[in-house]
Amino acid sequence: MLAWLLDVAAGPGPLLALAALALALAAFAAALAAPVRASGAEHRARLRTTLRDRTLRTSYLPLRDPGIPGRSQPRAPALA
């Protein structure tokens, strides 16, 4: 089937053509797989939105363990 590739009398022509085709297909596949990068303004806007959403999500989280060693305990209310 691929005996023409191993034929020494044919010279390097078929083998070079196959190598060039494989290289071109690999480059095409890499170009398709690479994500499209956003422009600078879009990237900054997305980062700003992400940071804002993260602060809104985390600003009202209760303390996970208020009795952890090293954390100061809240004061008791006054009896006044």
Protein backbone atom coordinates (compact mmCIF):
# COMPACT_ATOMS: atom_id res chain seq x y z
CA MET A 1 0.00 0.00 0.00
CA LEU A 2 2.71 2.46 0.97
CA ALA A 3 5.43 0.70 -1.00
CA TRP A 4 5.89 3.77 -3.20
CA LEU A 5 7.18 5.64 -0.09
CA LEU A 6 9.92 3.09 0.44
CA ASP A 7 10.93 2.94 -3.22
CA VAL A 8 14.49 4.25 -3.34
CA ALA A 9 14.43 4.64 -7.11
CA ALA A 10 11.59 7.19 -6.89
CA GLY A 11 13.80 9.55 -4.89
CA PRO A 12 12.72 11.73 -1.98
CA GLY A 13 9.83 13.34 -3.89
CA PRO A 14 6.87 11.31 -2.55
CA LEU A 15 8.24 11.24 0.97
CA LEU A 16 8.79 15.01 0.99
CA ALA A 17 5.30 15.58 -0.37
CA LEU A 18 3.80 13.42 2.36
CA ALA A 19 5.86 15.19 5.03
CA ALA A 20 4.77 18.60 3.73
CA LEU A 21 1.14 17.49 3.71
CA ALA A 22 1.40 16.18 7.26
CA LEU A 23 3.01 19.44 8.40
CA ALA A 24 0.31 21.51 6.72
CA LEU A 25 -2.46 19.43 8.30
CA ALA A 26 -0.85 19.71 11.73
CA ALA A 27 -0.57 23.49 11.40
CA PHE A 28 -4.18 23.72 10.27
CA ALA A 29 -5.36 21.59 13.21
CA ALA A 30 -3.35 23.73 15.65
CA ALA A 31 -4.88 26.90 14.20
CA LEU A 32 -8.37 25.50 14.65
CA ALA A 33 -7.67 24.35 18.18
CA ALA A 34 -6.19 27.66 19.35
CA PRO A 35 -8.75 29.85 21.12
CA VAL A 36 -9.43 33.27 19.69
CA ARG A 37 -7.94 35.90 21.97
CA ALA A 38 -10.08 38.85 22.93
CA SER A 39 -8.87 42.38 22.38
CA GLY A 40 -7.39 44.36 25.25
CA ALA A 41 -10.59 46.29 25.98
CA GLU A 42 -12.72 43.15 26.02
CA HIS A 43 -10.24 41.41 28.28
CA ARG A 44 -10.20 44.31 30.77
CA ALA A 45 -14.01 44.49 30.79
CA ARG A 46 -14.30 40.75 31.40
CA LEU A 47 -11.72 40.93 34.20
CA ARG A 48 -13.52 43.87 35.80
CA THR A 49 -16.86 42.03 35.67
CA THR A 50 -15.32 38.86 37.08
CA LEU A 51 -13.73 40.71 39.99
CA ARG A 52 -16.98 42.57 40.74
CA ASP A 53 -19.01 39.36 40.69
CA ARG A 54 -16.49 37.64 42.94
CA THR A 55 -16.64 40.44 45.52
CA LEU A 56 -20.44 40.37 45.48
CA ARG A 57 -20.44 36.61 46.02
CA THR A 58 -17.94 36.62 48.85
CA SER A 59 -18.92 39.76 50.74
CA TYR A 60 -21.76 38.13 52.70
CA LEU A 61 -20.24 34.75 53.54
CA PRO A 62 -20.55 33.90 57.21
CA LEU A 63 -17.46 32.88 59.13
CA ARG A 64 -16.88 29.19 58.63
CA ASP A 65 -15.58 28.52 62.15
CA PRO A 66 -15.76 31.46 64.54
CA GLY A 67 -14.04 29.45 67.30
CA ILE A 68 -10.83 28.75 65.37
CA PRO A 69 -7.66 29.21 67.48
CA GLY A 70 -6.13 32.64 67.07
CA ARG A 71 -9.36 34.44 66.18
CA SER A 72 -10.59 36.95 68.73
CA GLN A 73 -13.98 36.21 70.26
CA PRO A 74 -16.77 38.80 70.08
CA ARG A 75 -17.49 40.70 73.26
CA ALA A 76 -20.60 39.95 75.22
CA PRO A 77 -23.32 42.63 75.16
CA ALA A 78 -23.45 45.02 78.11
CA LEU A 79 -26.12 44.59 80.77
CA ALA A 80 -26.98 48.29 80.82
